[in-house]
């Protein structure tokens, strides 16, 4: 932080400029959004159908996996040694 002040570097904050609305994904059930290739921008709050890994609008990294853990261990097996 102090080094940035010495060098005079200013960091720009993220802002949603509305560009993402043009790339908004088609409605789909929430369970399969990531499976069909849609990505979510957590800052803009929408799902998009784009190839990039960053949001076109705010340059935030897009989420490609659901954050919930429901059912994530259904194939888990205990190993007995």
Protein backbone atom coordinates (compact mmCIF):
# COMPACT_ATOMS: atom_id res chain seq x y z
CA UNK A 1 0.00 0.00 0.00
CA UNK A 2 2.74 2.47 0.92
CA UNK A 3 4.70 1.57 -2.21
CA UNK A 4 1.70 2.43 -4.39
CA UNK A 5 1.46 5.86 -2.76
CA UNK A 6 5.18 6.49 -3.31
CA UNK A 7 4.95 5.54 -6.97
CA UNK A 8 1.69 7.40 -7.48
CA UNK A 9 -0.11 4.28 -8.76
CA UNK A 10 -3.89 4.43 -8.54
CA UNK A 11 -5.94 1.27 -8.67
CA UNK A 12 -9.24 1.47 -10.46
CA UNK A 13 -12.20 -0.16 -8.75
CA UNK A 14 -14.50 -2.57 -10.49
CA UNK A 15 -17.68 -1.14 -11.87
CA UNK A 16 -20.40 -2.74 -13.93
CA UNK A 17 -20.75 -0.64 -17.07
CA UNK A 18 -23.79 -2.52 -18.43
CA UNK A 19 -21.94 -4.12 -21.34
CA UNK A 20 -22.60 -7.54 -19.84
CA UNK A 21 -26.35 -7.19 -20.46
CA UNK A 22 -25.74 -7.74 -24.19
CA UNK A 23 -24.09 -11.09 -23.44
CA UNK A 24 -26.63 -12.28 -20.90
CA UNK A 25 -27.26 -16.04 -21.12
CA UNK A 26 -30.58 -17.63 -22.01
CA UNK A 27 -32.69 -18.71 -19.02
CA UNK A 28 -31.93 -22.25 -17.85
CA UNK A 29 -32.50 -24.29 -14.70
CA UNK A 30 -29.89 -23.35 -12.09
CA UNK A 31 -28.75 -26.96 -11.72
CA UNK A 32 -27.43 -27.18 -15.29
CA UNK A 33 -26.21 -23.64 -16.00
CA UNK A 34 -22.54 -24.51 -15.53
CA UNK A 35 -22.92 -27.86 -17.32
CA UNK A 36 -24.14 -26.17 -20.51
CA UNK A 37 -21.23 -23.71 -20.49
CA UNK A 38 -22.68 -20.63 -18.85
CA UNK A 39 -20.40 -18.62 -16.56
CA UNK A 40 -21.34 -16.25 -13.74
CA UNK A 41 -19.89 -12.87 -12.94
CA UNK A 42 -20.22 -12.46 -9.20
CA UNK A 43 -19.73 -8.71 -9.41
CA UNK A 44 -22.33 -8.00 -12.13
CA UNK A 45 -24.58 -10.78 -10.84
CA UNK A 46 -25.52 -12.37 -14.17
CA UNK A 47 -24.79 -15.54 -16.14
CA UNK A 48 -23.08 -15.13 -19.51
CA UNK A 49 -22.49 -17.34 -22.52
CA UNK A 50 -18.98 -16.31 -23.54
CA UNK A 51 -15.67 -18.07 -24.16
CA UNK A 52 -13.50 -15.69 -22.12
CA UNK A 53 -12.63 -16.42 -18.51
CA UNK A 54 -13.10 -12.76 -17.52
CA UNK A 55 -16.18 -10.56 -17.56
CA UNK A 56 -16.38 -8.28 -20.59
CA UNK A 57 -17.82 -5.53 -18.44
CA UNK A 58 -15.81 -5.37 -15.20
CA UNK A 59 -12.89 -7.77 -15.98
CA UNK A 60 -13.64 -9.93 -12.91
CA UNK A 61 -12.84 -13.64 -13.12
CA UNK A 62 -15.97 -15.57 -14.05
CA UNK A 63 -17.14 -18.48 -11.94
CA UNK A 64 -17.32 -21.74 -13.90
CA UNK A 65 -18.29 -24.11 -11.09
CA UNK A 66 -21.15 -23.98 -8.60
CA UNK A 67 -20.06 -22.97 -5.11
CA UNK A 68 -22.52 -25.23 -3.31
CA UNK A 69 -21.36 -28.55 -1.90
CA UNK A 70 -24.70 -30.35 -2.12
CA UNK A 71 -24.21 -33.81 -3.56
CA UNK A 72 -20.50 -33.33 -4.15
CA UNK A 73 -19.61 -36.43 -2.17
CA UNK A 74 -22.19 -38.85 -3.57
CA UNK A 75 -19.44 -40.93 -5.24
CA UNK A 76 -17.20 -40.84 -2.19
CA UNK A 77 -16.15 -44.22 -0.82
CA UNK A 78 -14.31 -45.08 2.33
CA UNK A 79 -11.24 -47.19 1.81
CA UNK A 80 -10.49 -49.78 4.46
CA UNK A 81 -6.85 -50.60 5.02
